[in-house]
Amino acid sequence: MGWVQYGDIQTDDGDYGGDIQIGKATHVRFIHTGMPGRLVTVTAYPVAPERSIETQEGSVVHFHGFESDMNAVGIQSQIELMICGDIDDPGSTEEWSDYLYENLDTRPYSRGDDETKVKAAEVDALRWVERFDANRDIHWDGERF
């Protein structure tokens, strides 16, 4: 039978993308019917790359920190592959895991203000998770690598 969804799709689900994540994350989990303890968590979230804030006075450049480049909003996925002793308590029973990241959509979300861009990217991230086909898109034999 292969990979099957385990539980519901979770929205507004944390900060997977670190500093570049600018909106709500959505995730769904899958287990493999023939490989006990194998769990795959598929997450997508809106991102914007950071850019430095600098001013220049003559030949001196002053660094003031970073900000999100809202002209480059996109979507990123994180796929966690995990071997655990109990799929209902993966965090406490994890034996091995690895992460795969991919930029899914880098088209410019250029219409509207920043909040509108983020909301549009959140909707697209949710749609991507909903359309994820585990048996087509998970390429993992269940072994450590």
N, C-alpha and C. Protein backbone atom coordinates (compact mmCIF):
# COMPACT_ATOMS: atom_id res chain seq x y z
N MET A 1 0.83 -1.20 0.00
CA MET A 1 0.00 0.00 0.00
C MET A 1 0.87 1.25 0.00
N GLY A 2 2.01 1.24 0.65
CA GLY A 2 2.92 2.39 0.58
C GLY A 2 2.64 3.46 1.62
N TRP A 3 2.89 4.71 1.21
CA TRP A 3 2.73 5.86 2.11
C TRP A 3 1.27 6.24 2.24
N VAL A 4 0.82 6.48 3.49
CA VAL A 4 -0.55 6.93 3.74
C VAL A 4 -0.50 8.13 4.69
N GLN A 5 -1.46 9.02 4.51
CA GLN A 5 -1.52 10.20 5.38
C GLN A 5 -1.81 9.75 6.80
N TYR A 6 -1.13 10.39 7.77
CA TYR A 6 -1.29 10.05 9.18
C TYR A 6 -1.72 11.32 9.92
N GLY A 7 -2.99 11.44 10.19
CA GLY A 7 -3.52 12.63 10.84
C GLY A 7 -3.96 13.67 9.83
N ASP A 8 -4.40 14.78 10.35
CA ASP A 8 -4.92 15.87 9.53
C ASP A 8 -3.82 16.84 9.12
N ILE A 9 -4.11 17.62 8.11
CA ILE A 9 -3.22 18.72 7.73
C ILE A 9 -3.28 19.76 8.84
N GLN A 10 -2.13 20.21 9.29
CA GLN A 10 -2.04 21.20 10.36
C GLN A 10 -1.62 22.55 9.78
N THR A 11 -2.41 23.58 10.06
CA THR A 11 -2.09 24.93 9.60
C THR A 11 -1.66 25.79 10.79
N ASP A 12 -1.09 26.92 10.49
CA ASP A 12 -0.57 27.84 11.52
C ASP A 12 0.33 27.07 12.48
N ASP A 13 1.33 26.42 11.88
CA ASP A 13 2.05 25.38 12.58
C ASP A 13 3.51 25.67 12.86
N GLY A 14 3.82 26.82 13.36
CA GLY A 14 5.16 27.03 13.85
C GLY A 14 6.13 27.68 12.88
N ASP A 15 7.37 27.72 13.33
CA ASP A 15 8.43 28.46 12.65
C ASP A 15 9.48 27.48 12.13
N TYR A 16 9.17 26.81 11.04
CA TYR A 16 10.08 25.84 10.45
C TYR A 16 11.19 26.53 9.66
N GLY A 17 10.89 27.68 9.07
CA GLY A 17 11.81 28.31 8.14
C GLY A 17 12.77 29.31 8.75
N GLY A 18 12.79 29.40 10.07
CA GLY A 18 13.73 30.32 10.71
C GLY A 18 13.49 31.76 10.31
N ASP A 19 14.57 32.50 10.16
CA ASP A 19 14.48 33.94 9.91
C ASP A 19 13.84 34.29 8.58
N ILE A 20 13.87 33.38 7.60
CA ILE A 20 13.30 33.74 6.30
C ILE A 20 11.80 33.44 6.21
N GLN A 21 11.25 32.70 7.18
CA GLN A 21 9.81 32.41 7.16
C GLN A 21 9.04 33.66 7.55
N ILE A 22 8.04 34.02 6.73
CA ILE A 22 7.30 35.26 6.98
C ILE A 22 5.81 35.04 7.18
N GLY A 23 5.35 33.81 7.17
CA GLY A 23 3.93 33.54 7.34
C GLY A 23 3.72 32.19 8.00
N LYS A 24 2.48 31.75 7.99
CA LYS A 24 2.11 30.50 8.65
C LYS A 24 2.58 29.28 7.86
N ALA A 25 3.06 28.30 8.59
CA ALA A 25 3.48 27.02 7.99
C ALA A 25 2.30 26.06 8.02
N THR A 26 2.28 25.15 7.05
CA THR A 26 1.30 24.08 6.99
C THR A 26 2.04 22.77 6.85
N HIS A 27 1.60 21.73 7.58
CA HIS A 27 2.27 20.43 7.42
C HIS A 27 1.28 19.28 7.44
N VAL A 28 1.75 18.17 6.89
CA VAL A 28 1.01 16.91 6.93
C VAL A 28 2.03 15.80 7.12
N ARG A 29 1.60 14.72 7.76
CA ARG A 29 2.50 13.58 8.02
C ARG A 29 2.04 12.35 7.26
N PHE A 30 3.04 11.51 6.93
CA PHE A 30 2.79 10.25 6.25
C PHE A 30 3.57 9.14 6.94
N ILE A 31 2.96 7.95 6.99
CA ILE A 31 3.65 6.75 7.47
C ILE A 31 3.63 5.74 6.33
N HIS A 32 4.53 4.78 6.40
CA HIS A 32 4.59 3.73 5.38
C HIS A 32 4.05 2.44 5.98
N THR A 33 3.08 1.84 5.31
CA THR A 33 2.42 0.65 5.85
C THR A 33 3.35 -0.55 5.93
N GLY A 34 4.41 -0.57 5.13
CA GLY A 34 5.32 -1.70 5.14
C GLY A 34 6.62 -1.46 5.89
N MET A 35 6.77 -0.26 6.46
CA MET A 35 8.01 0.07 7.18
C MET A 35 7.65 0.72 8.51
N PRO A 36 7.48 -0.06 9.56
CA PRO A 36 7.11 0.51 10.86
C PRO A 36 8.15 1.55 11.32
N GLY A 37 7.64 2.59 11.97
CA GLY A 37 8.51 3.61 12.54
C GLY A 37 9.04 4.62 11.54
N ARG A 38 8.59 4.56 10.29
CA ARG A 38 9.02 5.53 9.29
C ARG A 38 7.95 6.61 9.19
N LEU A 39 8.38 7.85 9.38
CA LEU A 39 7.48 8.99 9.41
C LEU A 39 8.06 10.10 8.54
N VAL A 40 7.24 10.66 7.68
CA VAL A 40 7.65 11.77 6.83
C VAL A 40 6.72 12.94 7.11
N THR A 41 7.30 14.08 7.46
CA THR A 41 6.53 15.30 7.68
C THR A 41 6.82 16.26 6.55
N VAL A 42 5.78 16.67 5.86
CA VAL A 42 5.88 17.56 4.70
C VAL A 42 5.32 18.92 5.11
N THR A 43 6.15 19.96 5.01
CA THR A 43 5.79 21.30 5.45
C THR A 43 6.05 22.30 4.34
N ALA A 44 5.20 23.30 4.22
CA ALA A 44 5.43 24.41 3.29
C ALA A 44 5.08 25.71 4.00
N TYR A 45 5.80 26.78 3.64
CA TYR A 45 5.61 28.07 4.30
C TYR A 45 6.14 29.20 3.41
N PRO A 46 5.55 30.41 3.58
CA PRO A 46 6.04 31.56 2.83
C PRO A 46 7.40 32.02 3.35
N VAL A 47 8.23 32.46 2.43
CA VAL A 47 9.56 32.94 2.79
C VAL A 47 9.88 34.23 2.03
N ALA A 48 10.80 34.98 2.59
CA ALA A 48 11.39 36.13 1.90
C ALA A 48 12.85 36.17 2.32
N PRO A 49 13.76 36.30 1.36
CA PRO A 49 15.17 36.35 1.73
C PRO A 49 15.47 37.61 2.54
N GLU A 50 16.49 37.49 3.36
CA GLU A 50 16.91 38.65 4.13
C GLU A 50 17.86 39.51 3.32
N ARG A 51 17.77 40.80 3.54
CA ARG A 51 18.73 41.71 2.95
C ARG A 51 19.26 42.60 4.06
N SER A 52 20.49 43.04 3.89
CA SER A 52 21.10 43.85 4.93
C SER A 52 20.63 45.30 4.81
N ILE A 53 20.55 45.95 5.94
CA ILE A 53 20.19 47.36 6.01
C ILE A 53 21.49 48.11 6.29
N GLU A 54 21.87 48.94 5.35
CA GLU A 54 23.14 49.66 5.46
C GLU A 54 22.96 51.11 5.04
N THR A 55 23.76 51.95 5.63
CA THR A 55 23.87 53.34 5.18
C THR A 55 25.35 53.62 4.95
N GLN A 56 25.60 54.58 4.10
CA GLN A 56 26.99 54.90 3.79
C GLN A 56 27.22 56.38 4.01
N GLU A 57 28.29 56.68 4.72
CA GLU A 57 28.74 58.06 4.93
C GLU A 57 30.15 58.14 4.40
N GLY A 58 30.30 58.75 3.24
CA GLY A 58 31.61 58.78 2.61
C GLY A 58 32.02 57.37 2.24
N SER A 59 33.18 56.96 2.70
CA SER A 59 33.67 55.61 2.41
C SER A 59 33.32 54.61 3.51
N VAL A 60 32.59 55.04 4.54
CA VAL A 60 32.24 54.19 5.67
C VAL A 60 30.82 53.65 5.49
N VAL A 61 30.67 52.32 5.55
CA VAL A 61 29.36 51.68 5.46
C VAL A 61 28.96 51.23 6.86
N HIS A 62 27.76 51.64 7.28
CA HIS A 62 27.23 51.27 8.60
C HIS A 62 26.18 50.18 8.42
N PHE A 63 26.36 49.09 9.11
CA PHE A 63 25.43 47.97 9.06
C PHE A 63 24.42 48.13 10.19
N HIS A 64 23.10 48.01 9.85
CA HIS A 64 22.03 48.22 10.83
C HIS A 64 21.19 46.97 11.07
N GLY A 65 21.55 45.85 10.46
CA GLY A 65 20.79 44.63 10.66
C GLY A 65 20.23 44.09 9.36
N PHE A 66 19.21 43.25 9.49
CA PHE A 66 18.59 42.63 8.33
C PHE A 66 17.09 42.89 8.33
N GLU A 67 16.50 42.80 7.14
CA GLU A 67 15.05 42.88 6.99
C GLU A 67 14.65 41.91 5.88
N SER A 68 13.38 41.53 5.87
CA SER A 68 12.88 40.66 4.82
C SER A 68 12.71 41.46 3.53
N ASP A 69 13.12 40.85 2.43
CA ASP A 69 12.94 41.47 1.12
C ASP A 69 11.56 41.08 0.61
N MET A 70 10.59 41.92 0.86
CA MET A 70 9.20 41.61 0.51
C MET A 70 8.93 41.71 -0.98
N ASN A 71 9.91 42.07 -1.77
CA ASN A 71 9.78 42.03 -3.22
C ASN A 71 10.21 40.68 -3.78
N ALA A 72 10.60 39.76 -2.90
CA ALA A 72 11.07 38.43 -3.33
C ALA A 72 10.39 37.32 -2.54
N VAL A 73 9.10 37.47 -2.23
CA VAL A 73 8.34 36.48 -1.47
C VAL A 73 8.19 35.21 -2.30
N GLY A 74 8.36 34.06 -1.65
CA GLY A 74 8.19 32.78 -2.31
C GLY A 74 7.70 31.74 -1.31
N ILE A 75 7.78 30.48 -1.69
CA ILE A 75 7.36 29.37 -0.83
C ILE A 75 8.50 28.37 -0.75
N GLN A 76 8.74 27.85 0.44
CA GLN A 76 9.76 26.82 0.63
C GLN A 76 9.12 25.59 1.26
N SER A 77 9.65 24.42 0.90
CA SER A 77 9.19 23.19 1.55
C SER A 77 10.31 22.62 2.41
N GLN A 78 9.90 21.95 3.45
CA GLN A 78 10.81 21.19 4.31
C GLN A 78 10.20 19.80 4.43
N ILE A 79 10.95 18.80 4.07
CA ILE A 79 10.49 17.42 4.22
C ILE A 79 11.41 16.74 5.22
N GLU A 80 10.83 16.30 6.32
CA GLU A 80 11.60 15.60 7.35
C GLU A 80 11.36 14.11 7.21
N LEU A 81 12.44 13.37 7.06
CA LEU A 81 12.41 11.91 7.01
C LEU A 81 12.84 11.43 8.39
N MET A 82 12.06 10.56 9.02
CA MET A 82 12.37 10.16 10.39
C MET A 82 12.16 8.67 10.58
N ILE A 83 13.06 8.10 11.37
CA ILE A 83 12.88 6.75 11.91
C ILE A 83 12.68 6.94 13.41
N CYS A 84 11.57 6.41 13.94
CA CYS A 84 11.29 6.59 15.35
C CYS A 84 10.67 5.31 15.92
N GLY A 85 10.72 5.20 17.22
CA GLY A 85 10.17 4.03 17.89
C GLY A 85 8.66 4.07 18.05
N ASP A 86 8.09 5.30 18.05
CA ASP A 86 6.65 5.45 18.25
C ASP A 86 6.18 6.63 17.40
N ILE A 87 5.41 6.36 16.35
CA ILE A 87 4.98 7.44 15.46
C ILE A 87 4.02 8.41 16.14
N ASP A 88 3.45 8.03 17.28
CA ASP A 88 2.59 8.95 18.02
C ASP A 88 3.39 9.84 18.96
N ASP A 89 4.65 9.54 19.15
CA ASP A 89 5.55 10.34 19.98
C ASP A 89 6.92 10.41 19.31
N PRO A 90 6.97 10.98 18.09
CA PRO A 90 8.23 10.93 17.33
C PRO A 90 9.37 11.71 17.98
N GLY A 91 9.07 12.82 18.60
CA GLY A 91 10.13 13.63 19.20
C GLY A 91 10.90 12.92 20.29
N SER A 92 10.22 12.15 21.10
CA SER A 92 10.88 11.45 22.21
C SER A 92 11.48 10.11 21.80
N THR A 93 11.04 9.58 20.65
CA THR A 93 11.51 8.25 20.26
C THR A 93 12.31 8.27 18.95
N GLU A 94 12.74 9.45 18.56
CA GLU A 94 13.50 9.59 17.31
C GLU A 94 14.81 8.82 17.38
N GLU A 95 15.06 8.04 16.35
CA GLU A 95 16.33 7.30 16.23
C GLU A 95 17.22 7.92 15.16
N TRP A 96 16.61 8.55 14.16
CA TRP A 96 17.36 9.18 13.07
C TRP A 96 16.41 10.10 12.30
N SER A 97 16.94 11.20 11.76
CA SER A 97 16.14 12.05 10.88
C SER A 97 17.06 12.86 9.98
N ASP A 98 16.49 13.32 8.89
CA ASP A 98 17.19 14.23 7.99
C ASP A 98 16.14 15.12 7.34
N TYR A 99 16.60 16.25 6.80
CA TYR A 99 15.70 17.23 6.22
C TYR A 99 16.08 17.52 4.77
N LEU A 100 15.06 17.73 3.96
CA LEU A 100 15.25 18.14 2.58
C LEU A 100 14.50 19.45 2.40
N TYR A 101 15.16 20.44 1.79
CA TYR A 101 14.54 21.74 1.56
C TYR A 101 14.47 22.01 0.06
N GLU A 102 13.41 22.71 -0.35
CA GLU A 102 13.29 23.08 -1.76
C GLU A 102 12.51 24.39 -1.86
N ASN A 103 12.99 25.27 -2.73
CA ASN A 103 12.22 26.47 -3.05
C ASN A 103 11.16 26.06 -4.06
N LEU A 104 9.89 26.21 -3.69
CA LEU A 104 8.80 25.74 -4.52
C LEU A 104 8.31 26.77 -5.50
N ASP A 105 8.26 27.99 -5.07
CA ASP A 105 7.66 29.03 -5.89
C ASP A 105 8.39 30.33 -5.61
N THR A 106 9.05 30.82 -6.61
CA THR A 106 9.76 32.07 -6.44
C THR A 106 9.17 33.16 -7.32
N ARG A 107 7.96 32.90 -7.83
CA ARG A 107 7.33 33.95 -8.63
C ARG A 107 7.09 35.15 -7.73
N PRO A 108 7.15 36.31 -8.27
CA PRO A 108 6.94 37.47 -7.40
C PRO A 108 5.48 37.61 -6.97
N TYR A 109 5.29 37.73 -5.70
CA TYR A 109 3.98 38.08 -5.15
C TYR A 109 3.98 39.60 -5.07
N SER A 110 3.71 40.25 -6.18
CA SER A 110 3.95 41.68 -6.27
C SER A 110 2.71 42.54 -6.09
N ARG A 111 1.56 41.93 -6.03
CA ARG A 111 0.34 42.74 -5.94
C ARG A 111 -0.04 42.98 -4.49
N GLY A 112 -0.36 44.20 -4.20
CA GLY A 112 -0.84 44.54 -2.87
C GLY A 112 0.28 44.85 -1.89
N ASP A 113 -0.14 45.07 -0.67
CA ASP A 113 0.82 45.38 0.39
C ASP A 113 1.47 44.09 0.89
N ASP A 114 2.38 44.22 1.84
CA ASP A 114 3.12 43.06 2.35
C ASP A 114 2.20 42.00 2.94
N GLU A 115 1.17 42.42 3.66
CA GLU A 115 0.25 41.46 4.28
C GLU A 115 -0.48 40.65 3.20
N THR A 116 -0.87 41.30 2.12
CA THR A 116 -1.54 40.62 1.01
C THR A 116 -0.61 39.60 0.36
N LYS A 117 0.65 39.94 0.19
CA LYS A 117 1.63 39.02 -0.39
C LYS A 117 1.79 37.78 0.49
N VAL A 118 1.90 38.00 1.80
CA VAL A 118 2.08 36.88 2.73
C VAL A 118 0.85 35.98 2.71
N LYS A 119 -0.34 36.56 2.75
CA LYS A 119 -1.58 35.76 2.74
C LYS A 119 -1.68 34.93 1.46
N ALA A 120 -1.32 35.52 0.31
CA ALA A 120 -1.36 34.77 -0.96
C ALA A 120 -0.37 33.61 -0.93
N ALA A 121 0.81 33.83 -0.39
CA ALA A 121 1.81 32.77 -0.29
C ALA A 121 1.38 31.69 0.69
N GLU A 122 0.71 32.07 1.78
CA GLU A 122 0.18 31.07 2.73
C GLU A 122 -0.85 30.17 2.06
N VAL A 123 -1.72 30.75 1.26
CA VAL A 123 -2.73 29.96 0.54
C VAL A 123 -2.05 29.00 -0.42
N ASP A 124 -1.05 29.47 -1.15
CA ASP A 124 -0.34 28.60 -2.09
C ASP A 124 0.42 27.49 -1.37
N ALA A 125 0.99 27.78 -0.20
CA ALA A 125 1.68 26.76 0.59
C ALA A 125 0.70 25.68 1.04
N LEU A 126 -0.46 26.09 1.51
CA LEU A 126 -1.49 25.14 1.93
C LEU A 126 -1.91 24.27 0.74
N ARG A 127 -2.13 24.89 -0.40
CA ARG A 127 -2.53 24.11 -1.59
C ARG A 127 -1.46 23.10 -1.97
N TRP A 128 -0.20 23.50 -1.86
CA TRP A 128 0.89 22.58 -2.21
C TRP A 128 0.87 21.36 -1.28
N VAL A 129 0.69 21.60 0.01
CA VAL A 129 0.63 20.49 0.97
C VAL A 129 -0.57 19.61 0.68
N GLU A 130 -1.72 20.20 0.38
CA GLU A 130 -2.92 19.42 0.08
C GLU A 130 -2.74 18.55 -1.16
N ARG A 131 -1.98 19.02 -2.14
CA ARG A 131 -1.78 18.27 -3.39
C ARG A 131 -0.60 17.31 -3.33
N PHE A 132 0.15 17.31 -2.25
CA PHE A 132 1.33 16.44 -2.15
C PHE A 132 0.91 14.99 -2.27
N ASP A 133 1.50 14.27 -3.19
CA ASP A 133 1.21 12.85 -3.41
C ASP A 133 2.39 12.05 -2.87
N ALA A 134 2.20 11.50 -1.70
CA ALA A 134 3.31 10.83 -1.01
C ALA A 134 3.90 9.70 -1.83
N ASN A 135 3.08 8.91 -2.47
CA ASN A 135 3.60 7.76 -3.22
C ASN A 135 4.30 8.17 -4.51
N ARG A 136 4.05 9.37 -4.98
CA ARG A 136 4.76 9.89 -6.14
C ARG A 136 5.98 10.71 -5.71
N ASP A 137 5.86 11.46 -4.61
CA ASP A 137 6.85 12.49 -4.28
C ASP A 137 7.86 12.11 -3.20
N ILE A 138 7.61 11.05 -2.43
CA ILE A 138 8.58 10.63 -1.42
C ILE A 138 9.49 9.58 -2.05
N HIS A 139 10.75 9.90 -2.12
CA HIS A 139 11.76 8.99 -2.71
C HIS A 139 12.73 8.58 -1.61
N TRP A 140 12.26 7.75 -0.71
CA TRP A 140 13.06 7.31 0.44
C TRP A 140 12.76 5.85 0.69
N ASP A 141 13.80 5.07 0.81
CA ASP A 141 13.65 3.63 1.05
C ASP A 141 13.48 3.27 2.52
N GLY A 142 13.41 4.28 3.39
CA GLY A 142 13.22 4.04 4.81
C GLY A 142 14.49 3.78 5.57
N GLU A 143 15.63 3.84 4.88
CA GLU A 143 16.92 3.60 5.52
C GLU A 143 17.65 4.90 5.81
N ARG A 144 18.58 4.85 6.76
CA ARG A 144 19.42 6.01 7.07
C ARG A 144 20.36 6.28 5.90
N PHE A 145 20.70 7.54 5.73
CA PHE A 145 21.68 7.88 4.71
C PHE A 145 22.56 8.98 5.20
